[in-house]
């Protein structure tokens, strides 16, 4: 039995290519090089047979796409979700190339995924699936070639299984093959909340730049997984008012503000944020249209589109997820004067601390949480200011400014390295 899902993802990939080509048109680049920048270097599709706990067998499709490695080893997460397609993974790999370049990290971009519903798999089934997938991609990953990390519905335990399987295959302990590992296996302090911290830093810098006081500002978050929940807690600690959050089962609204710590406790007990005391139940679609200062879409791609963009009432959108705003929506939001801080900047905290973890693994030397978050803060602020400077100089939106900066760095690296032969 083959586990199949919808063959979506094409629209997402087309959107990422569209953003990329718009930035390329802004730069003076040879047409052949433009094509090279949008075609991944390598795409691997694998068929994973899995013995289920009941004795039956299912076959799952897995992917690993390596986009470009001009700046260094490929880097990118692995996700487990029914929406996984080769088109979606390709789009995410391309975004990772621009993200690492924008953050001045010595990495290229990659992404991986297995099309499955992890909520329907037992822990032992997930372990067998992960170890089989690792064996199948083991020839193209490694600490100096391609370093996976957690993504949607994968976590430190998943990375531990990958590291252990890879190390057994190579006959030595190789912690640097993945990042996002448990602390006891060489993981970095601060990695768990890194993506959220990066989102929060962008909001903090936006509050300064756009004159929106952070204390008392109204924040709405779509997606209450790791990124959304930790971002809510950090911003709450900084004085922001979290007025609405949601997960896959729906959302909750309270104009008086939510205590995200208590919301997280409620979700652990019930499986959802829905039903939290003294809140109004709303849909994910309604949540996006709540009037607020900062909207953080931290769920799936394509959540803000041409059908709902005109109803968005946020002053600033900070993309916690990858690709949550479509190109058509971007145009509408521009016309409405709503600022969008793009994913390749806003959610770059995770890959930045992944880089720091990788460096620590190679050196076998580890920093404190405070040291890691300080390094992350410095890198995020530097990248934010560079994007703002480009945006103001070129009179373009923040997404195009970020993409232009990133692509320019990749192009410079390609030209310096040259083509072979």
Foldseek 3Di string as FASTA:
>chain_A
DEQAADQDQQQLLVQLLVLLVVLVVVDDDDPVVNVLLLAAPDKDKDWFWFQAPVRDIYIKIKIKTHRDQLQFAEEEAEAEEQNDDSNNQSSQQSLQQLLCLLLVHSHGGMYMYINDDVVPGDPVRLLSRLLRVLVVCLVQFDLGHYEYEHDHPDAQVSLVSSQVSSCVVVVHRGLSRYERHPVVSLHAQPLQAQLLLLLLLLVVVCCVVVVPDLAAFEEFEEACDSNRLSNVQVSVVVRYFHAKYFHPVFMWGDPVGDNSVVLVVVCVVPVTSPPPPPTDTGGSLVSQLDAGAEYEYQDEACQQELVCLLSGRYQEYEYSHAHNYGPRSVVNCVVVNRAYQHPSQRRSRNVQLRSVSSVCSVVVHGDHNVVSVVVSSVSSVVSSVQLVVQCVVVVDGSSSSSSSSSVVSSVVSDVVVDDDD
